Amino acid sequence: MPVESEIIQTYFDRTAKDYDAIYSDEITKIKRLFNRLVHREVYQCFAFAFEQLDSFKGKRMLDVGCGSGRYAMEAAKRGAAHVFGVDLSRGMLEIAERVTKENGVADRCKFVQGDFLQYNVQGIYDYAFALGMLDYTENPTAILRRIFRLTTDRAIFSFPGESRGRAFMEKLKIFRGTCPIHTYSEESIRDLMGVAGFEIIELVKKGRLFLVAARPFVRFKGVYR
């Protein structure tokens, strides 16, 4: 496993419970209010993802960097026939398996531990999510191109934007030996999406996050897919 992947895996194995608590209802009202204020962009990202997609009924969904499975669970609850999630962190996937089982959708969700660029993903998917994972990759072009090859309809992405405060925090994280984050400008996002073969349907900025809805396109008789 590449060194960067090992760092990411270790970081999220250690922080999985804290990360998932942002989505959990099993916390105090005060903590829930705190999360809504401090992690507002997380909730905005979740809302954006599901607003951008049509009915999930009978759809196949790919969740790249699926984390604790909250998006996968919601897609299955909305009628997705099959959700496939891949993540580096075993700790995250243990939570994903638990929450999908508790919500009665485990039979339509499959989670595997691995590097998305190395794992042999089977089949083709209608929808794809890559949310909160492009922050941590040194090779976003390869990630986007692979999602392009695996997706027929829509894909939703998040990219952390550049800021002075974020640059300082990343230096601090590197100093502490935790998990560095890669940031993007709107121009770099548009370039990456084009190179990978995606047509941007919508690009918005919510706080520090750029949120993107896109579709893969093919030049065949002038028709987009």
Protein backbone atom coordinates (compact mmCIF):
# COMPACT_ATOMS: atom_id res chain seq x y z
CA MET A 1 0.00 0.00 0.00
CA PRO A 2 1.38 3.48 -0.87
CA VAL A 3 2.62 5.55 2.08
CA GLU A 4 -0.10 8.17 1.55
CA SER A 5 -2.79 5.47 1.68
CA GLU A 6 -1.35 4.08 4.90
CA ILE A 7 -1.44 7.55 6.49
CA ILE A 8 -5.06 8.06 5.44
CA GLN A 9 -6.08 4.59 6.65
CA THR A 10 -4.44 5.09 10.04
CA TYR A 11 -5.94 8.55 10.46
CA PHE A 12 -9.52 7.47 9.72
CA ASP A 13 -9.27 4.24 11.69
CA ARG A 14 -8.41 6.44 14.66
CA THR A 15 -11.09 9.09 14.05
CA ALA A 16 -13.94 6.99 12.59
CA LYS A 17 -16.27 7.28 15.59
CA ASP A 18 -15.77 11.04 15.90
CA TYR A 19 -16.34 11.49 12.18
CA ASP A 20 -19.56 9.47 12.15
CA ALA A 21 -20.88 11.33 15.20
CA ILE A 22 -21.47 14.31 12.87
CA TYR A 23 -24.29 12.30 11.25
CA SER A 24 -25.49 10.37 14.28
CA ASP A 25 -28.72 11.02 16.18
CA GLU A 26 -27.29 9.23 19.21
CA ILE A 27 -25.84 12.42 20.70
CA THR A 28 -27.11 15.18 22.99
CA LYS A 29 -29.13 18.11 21.63
CA ILE A 30 -26.29 20.46 22.51
CA LYS A 31 -23.78 18.34 20.62
CA ARG A 32 -26.16 18.10 17.66
CA LEU A 33 -26.53 21.90 17.59
CA PHE A 34 -22.75 22.27 17.84
CA ASN A 35 -22.29 19.94 14.87
CA ARG A 36 -24.86 21.85 12.82
CA LEU A 37 -22.93 25.06 13.38
CA VAL A 38 -19.35 23.82 13.12
CA HIS A 39 -19.88 21.21 10.41
CA ARG A 40 -22.48 23.07 8.37
CA GLU A 41 -20.73 22.26 5.09
CA VAL A 42 -21.04 18.53 5.78
CA TYR A 43 -24.83 18.82 5.94
CA GLN A 44 -24.91 21.11 2.90
CA CYS A 45 -22.89 18.55 0.97
CA PHE A 46 -25.29 15.77 1.96
CA ALA A 47 -28.31 17.83 0.87
CA PHE A 48 -26.67 18.84 -2.42
CA ALA A 49 -25.84 15.24 -3.32
CA PHE A 50 -29.40 14.00 -3.02
CA GLU A 51 -30.98 17.10 -4.55
CA GLN A 52 -28.94 16.60 -7.72
CA LEU A 53 -30.01 13.03 -8.44
CA ASP A 54 -33.26 11.67 -9.79
CA SER A 55 -35.07 8.72 -8.27
CA PHE A 56 -32.81 6.06 -6.78
CA LYS A 57 -35.36 3.32 -7.37
CA GLY A 58 -33.65 0.36 -9.00
CA LYS A 59 -30.36 2.25 -9.46
CA ARG A 60 -26.82 1.02 -8.90
CA MET A 61 -24.62 3.42 -6.97
CA LEU A 62 -20.86 3.59 -6.47
CA ASP A 63 -19.60 5.34 -3.33
CA VAL A 64 -15.86 6.07 -3.54
CA GLY A 65 -14.38 6.78 -0.14
CA CYS A 66 -17.68 5.74 1.43
CA GLY A 67 -16.52 6.34 5.00
CA SER A 68 -19.09 5.36 7.61
CA GLY A 69 -21.71 4.59 4.97
CA ARG A 70 -24.18 7.40 5.60
CA TYR A 71 -24.58 8.25 1.90
CA ALA A 72 -24.81 4.58 0.97
CA MET A 73 -27.45 4.02 3.61
CA GLU A 74 -29.53 6.98 2.43
CA ALA A 75 -29.32 5.87 -1.21
CA ALA A 76 -30.50 2.39 -0.26
CA LYS A 77 -33.33 3.80 1.85
CA ARG A 78 -34.40 5.80 -1.21
CA GLY A 79 -34.66 2.63 -3.26
CA ALA A 80 -31.24 1.95 -4.77
CA ALA A 81 -31.01 -1.68 -5.88
CA HIS A 82 -27.31 -1.98 -5.10
CA VAL A 83 -24.74 0.28 -3.45
CA PHE A 84 -21.05 -0.53 -3.59
CA GLY A 85 -18.75 1.36 -1.23
CA VAL A 86 -14.97 1.26 -1.08
CA ASP A 87 -12.80 2.86 1.59
CA LEU A 88 -9.30 2.54 2.99
CA SER A 89 -10.41 2.53 6.62
CA ARG A 90 -11.57 -0.67 8.29
CA GLY A 91 -12.84 1.40 11.21
CA MET A 92 -15.10 3.40 8.91
CA LEU A 93 -16.41 0.28 7.18
CA GLU A 94 -17.30 -1.38 10.47
CA ILE A 95 -19.59 1.58 11.18
CA ALA A 96 -20.99 1.44 7.64
CA GLU A 97 -21.87 -2.22 8.04
CA ARG A 98 -23.52 -1.54 11.39
CA VAL A 99 -25.63 1.47 10.33
CA THR A 100 -26.88 -0.18 7.14
CA LYS A 101 -27.85 -3.29 9.12
CA GLU A 102 -29.61 -1.21 11.77
CA ASN A 103 -31.58 0.59 9.04
CA GLY A 104 -32.59 -2.59 7.24
CA VAL A 105 -30.69 -2.00 4.00
CA ALA A 106 -27.57 -4.14 4.50
CA ASP A 107 -28.76 -6.63 1.88
CA ARG A 108 -28.40 -3.94 -0.81
CA CYS A 109 -25.09 -2.49 0.35
CA LYS A 110 -21.64 -4.00 -0.09
CA PHE A 111 -18.54 -2.46 1.46
CA VAL A 112 -14.93 -3.39 0.79
CA GLN A 113 -11.66 -2.17 2.22
CA GLY A 114 -9.16 -1.11 -0.40
CA ASP A 115 -7.62 1.52 -2.62
CA PHE A 116 -10.14 2.54 -5.29
CA LEU A 117 -7.43 2.81 -7.94
CA GLN A 118 -6.23 -0.73 -7.25
CA TYR A 119 -9.44 -2.56 -6.37
CA ASN A 120 -11.14 -4.47 -9.19
CA VAL A 121 -14.59 -2.85 -9.11
CA GLN A 122 -17.10 -5.03 -10.94
CA GLY A 123 -19.91 -3.75 -13.14
CA ILE A 124 -21.20 -0.35 -14.22
CA TYR A 125 -23.10 2.12 -12.03
CA ASP A 126 -25.82 4.68 -12.66
CA TYR A 127 -24.65 7.12 -9.99
CA ALA A 128 -21.36 7.76 -8.22
CA PHE A 129 -20.36 9.73 -5.13
CA ALA A 130 -16.84 10.92 -4.37
CA LEU A 131 -17.51 13.11 -1.36
CA GLY A 132 -14.89 14.02 1.20
CA MET A 133 -12.25 11.83 -0.43
CA LEU A 134 -10.61 13.95 -3.12
CA ASP A 135 -9.28 15.97 -0.19
CA TYR A 136 -6.80 13.18 0.47
CA THR A 137 -5.52 12.05 -2.92
CA GLU A 138 -2.41 13.14 -4.76
CA ASN A 139 -3.83 11.82 -8.02
CA PRO A 140 -7.36 13.23 -8.50
CA THR A 141 -7.18 12.83 -12.29
CA ALA A 142 -6.83 9.06 -12.01
CA ILE A 143 -9.72 8.91 -9.52
CA LEU A 144 -12.00 10.97 -11.77
CA ARG A 145 -11.11 9.02 -14.90
CA ARG A 146 -11.90 5.72 -13.22
CA ILE A 147 -15.24 7.02 -11.95
CA PHE A 148 -15.94 8.22 -15.51
CA ARG A 149 -15.38 4.69 -16.84
CA LEU A 150 -17.67 3.16 -14.20
CA THR A 151 -20.59 5.63 -14.29
CA THR A 152 -23.31 6.09 -16.89
CA ASP A 153 -25.56 8.83 -15.52
CA ARG A 154 -24.50 11.24 -12.78
CA ALA A 155 -21.61 11.73 -10.39
CA ILE A 156 -21.37 14.03 -7.37
CA PHE A 157 -18.04 15.35 -6.09
CA SER A 158 -16.73 17.60 -3.33
CA PHE A 159 -13.45 19.50 -3.43
CA PRO A 160 -12.00 21.53 -0.54
CA GLY A 161 -11.26 25.09 -1.61
CA GLU A 162 -8.08 27.03 -1.02
CA SER A 163 -7.77 29.48 1.87
CA ARG A 164 -5.05 30.97 4.04
CA GLY A 165 -6.54 29.42 7.16
CA ARG A 166 -6.67 26.00 5.52
CA ALA A 167 -3.05 26.28 4.38
CA PHE A 168 -2.03 26.94 7.99
CA MET A 169 -4.05 23.99 9.26
CA GLU A 170 -2.48 21.67 6.70
CA LYS A 171 1.01 22.68 7.80
CA LEU A 172 -0.07 21.97 11.37
CA LYS A 173 -1.44 18.55 10.40
CA ILE A 174 1.79 17.64 8.61
CA PHE A 175 3.74 18.75 11.69
CA ARG A 176 1.56 16.53 13.88
CA GLY A 177 1.93 13.60 11.50
CA THR A 178 -1.77 13.39 10.73
CA CYS A 179 -3.57 13.59 7.39
CA PRO A 180 -2.67 16.35 4.88
CA ILE A 181 -5.45 17.76 2.69
CA HIS A 182 -5.15 18.77 -0.96
CA THR A 183 -7.07 21.90 -1.95
CA TYR A 184 -8.49 23.12 -5.26
CA SER A 185 -9.47 26.30 -7.07
CA GLU A 186 -12.58 26.53 -9.24
CA GLU A 187 -10.35 26.73 -12.30
CA SER A 188 -8.42 23.59 -11.35
CA ILE A 189 -11.68 21.72 -10.72
CA ARG A 190 -13.05 22.64 -14.14
CA ASP A 191 -9.79 21.54 -15.75
CA LEU A 192 -9.77 18.21 -13.88
CA MET A 193 -13.37 17.45 -14.75
CA GLY A 194 -12.81 18.19 -18.42
CA VAL A 195 -9.66 16.09 -18.66
CA ALA A 196 -11.45 13.17 -16.98
CA GLY A 197 -14.35 13.35 -19.46
CA PHE A 198 -17.06 14.92 -17.32
CA GLU A 199 -19.49 17.66 -18.25
CA ILE A 200 -20.26 19.86 -15.24
CA ILE A 201 -23.99 20.27 -14.64
CA GLU A 202 -23.65 22.41 -11.52
CA LEU A 203 -20.75 23.78 -9.51
CA VAL A 204 -21.43 25.69 -6.30
CA LYS A 205 -19.39 26.76 -3.31
CA LYS A 206 -20.66 26.16 0.20
CA GLY A 207 -18.27 27.65 2.71
CA ARG A 208 -14.87 26.11 1.98
CA LEU A 209 -16.29 23.32 -0.21
CA PHE A 210 -16.84 23.22 -3.94
CA LEU A 211 -19.71 20.85 -4.76
CA VAL A 212 -20.01 19.48 -8.27
CA ALA A 213 -22.71 17.56 -10.10
CA ALA A 214 -21.51 16.14 -13.42
CA ARG A 215 -22.24 13.60 -16.10
CA PRO A 216 -19.88 11.56 -18.25
CA PHE A 217 -20.11 12.48 -21.91
CA VAL A 218 -19.29 10.68 -25.13
CA ARG A 219 -18.95 12.11 -28.59
CA PHE A 220 -21.14 9.66 -30.44
CA LYS A 221 -23.51 11.17 -32.99
CA GLY A 222 -23.41 14.33 -30.91
CA VAL A 223 -25.26 12.66 -28.05
CA TYR A 224 -24.29 13.02 -24.39
CA ARG A 225 -24.87 10.14 -22.07
